[in-house]
């Protein structure tokens, strides 16, 4: 089963300097472990909101909004695509990832199974 993990956080509450070098090193080790275990299919952080765009459709009419988005209280900062035997296994990998961040990060992972019926 494939699971998509989306990393949510409030950009105003995140450390302004971003991840420290020790966290980046620890994340690299965990991602290497996930790769060796055969569960990591893909992962990446996302570029800043200022570089993004949104396309919104309401009543059949589309509007393009360029970043940054002032109303964003929570953003998706990255994703991880896993292939695991169960949702519990995907959640365990996600929990390990979150624990690396320590108490200075208020973050959340949304874990969703991909619908492979297409």
Protein backbone atom coordinates (compact mmCIF):
# COMPACT_ATOMS: atom_id res chain seq x y z
CA UNK A 1 0.00 0.00 0.00
CA UNK A 2 1.23 3.47 -0.80
CA UNK A 3 0.85 6.34 1.65
CA UNK A 4 1.41 10.04 1.19
CA UNK A 5 2.62 11.92 4.23
CA UNK A 6 2.09 15.69 4.11
CA UNK A 7 4.03 17.81 6.58
CA UNK A 8 1.89 20.67 7.93
CA UNK A 9 3.19 23.56 10.02
CA UNK A 10 2.51 27.19 10.88
CA UNK A 11 5.28 29.18 9.17
CA UNK A 12 5.05 31.92 11.79
CA UNK A 13 5.79 29.40 14.57
CA UNK A 14 8.66 27.56 12.86
CA UNK A 15 12.27 28.36 13.72
CA UNK A 16 13.21 31.30 11.49
CA UNK A 17 16.55 29.80 10.52
CA UNK A 18 14.86 26.56 9.41
CA UNK A 19 16.17 23.12 10.33
CA UNK A 20 19.50 23.17 12.12
CA UNK A 21 22.41 21.13 10.73
CA UNK A 22 21.96 18.36 13.32
CA UNK A 23 18.31 17.93 12.33
CA UNK A 24 19.23 17.85 8.64
CA UNK A 25 21.84 15.16 9.36
CA UNK A 26 19.37 13.11 11.44
CA UNK A 27 16.72 13.40 8.71
CA UNK A 28 19.27 12.23 6.15
CA UNK A 29 20.04 9.16 8.26
CA UNK A 30 16.35 8.33 8.70
CA UNK A 31 15.67 8.76 4.97
CA UNK A 32 18.62 6.46 4.21
CA UNK A 33 17.18 3.88 6.62
CA UNK A 34 13.77 4.18 4.96
CA UNK A 35 15.36 3.72 1.54
CA UNK A 36 17.27 0.61 2.68
CA UNK A 37 14.05 -0.77 4.19
CA UNK A 38 12.39 -0.35 0.79
CA UNK A 39 9.57 1.90 2.04
CA UNK A 40 10.68 5.32 0.75
CA UNK A 41 9.46 5.99 -2.79
CA UNK A 42 9.98 9.77 -2.92
CA UNK A 43 10.34 12.78 -0.65
CA UNK A 44 11.00 16.51 -0.92
CA UNK A 45 10.55 19.78 0.88
CA UNK A 46 8.55 22.49 -0.84
CA UNK A 47 9.79 25.90 -1.92
CA UNK A 48 8.55 28.98 0.01
CA UNK A 49 4.95 30.20 -0.36
CA UNK A 50 6.20 33.38 -2.02
CA UNK A 51 7.22 31.27 -5.01
CA UNK A 52 3.93 29.39 -5.27
CA UNK A 53 0.60 29.93 -6.97
CA UNK A 54 -2.95 28.70 -6.42
CA UNK A 55 -5.68 28.16 -8.94
CA UNK A 56 -9.11 28.46 -7.35
CA UNK A 57 -12.38 27.57 -9.06
CA UNK A 58 -15.68 28.92 -7.76
CA UNK A 59 -18.92 28.73 -9.71
CA UNK A 60 -17.00 27.51 -12.76
CA UNK A 61 -14.74 30.59 -12.82
CA UNK A 62 -11.02 30.19 -12.18
CA UNK A 63 -8.79 32.69 -10.41
CA UNK A 64 -5.01 32.51 -10.14
CA UNK A 65 -3.44 33.70 -6.89
CA UNK A 66 0.31 34.24 -6.70
CA UNK A 67 2.13 33.69 -3.42
CA UNK A 68 2.74 34.57 -0.74
CA UNK A 69 -0.69 33.84 0.65
CA UNK A 70 -1.40 36.12 3.59
CA UNK A 71 -4.33 34.04 4.83
CA UNK A 72 -2.17 30.91 5.27
CA UNK A 73 -2.02 29.91 8.90
CA UNK A 74 -0.79 26.44 8.02
CA UNK A 75 1.25 25.31 5.05
CA UNK A 76 2.44 22.04 3.59
CA UNK A 77 6.21 22.14 3.92
CA UNK A 78 7.02 18.83 2.28
CA UNK A 79 5.87 15.35 1.48
CA UNK A 80 7.01 11.77 1.67
CA UNK A 81 5.65 8.90 -0.42
CA UNK A 82 5.94 5.50 1.25
CA UNK A 83 5.12 1.93 0.37
CA UNK A 84 4.33 -0.02 3.52
CA UNK A 85 2.42 -3.11 4.53
CA UNK A 86 -0.07 -1.14 6.64
CA UNK A 87 -1.16 2.29 7.80
CA UNK A 88 0.32 1.50 11.21
CA UNK A 89 3.74 0.99 9.63
CA UNK A 90 3.42 4.29 7.72
CA UNK A 91 2.42 6.01 10.96
CA UNK A 92 5.46 4.59 12.77
CA UNK A 93 7.82 5.98 10.11
CA UNK A 94 6.00 9.30 10.32
CA UNK A 95 6.26 9.36 14.12
CA UNK A 96 9.99 8.77 13.91
CA UNK A 97 10.31 11.64 11.44
CA UNK A 98 8.39 14.01 13.72
CA UNK A 99 10.39 13.01 16.82
CA UNK A 100 13.59 14.15 15.08
CA UNK A 101 12.31 17.74 15.09
CA UNK A 102 12.23 18.08 18.86
CA UNK A 103 10.15 20.50 20.91
CA UNK A 104 11.03 23.66 18.95
CA UNK A 105 8.85 22.57 16.00
CA UNK A 106 5.03 22.42 16.18
CA UNK A 107 4.32 20.19 13.20
CA UNK A 108 1.82 17.62 12.05
CA UNK A 109 1.88 14.83 9.49
CA UNK A 110 -1.23 13.95 7.53
CA UNK A 111 -0.98 10.32 6.39
CA UNK A 112 -3.27 9.27 3.56
CA UNK A 113 -3.39 6.06 1.58
CA UNK A 114 -3.29 6.50 -2.18
CA UNK A 115 -6.29 5.18 -4.09
CA UNK A 116 -4.55 2.73 -6.42
CA UNK A 117 -7.72 1.79 -8.30
CA UNK A 118 -7.04 4.15 -11.20
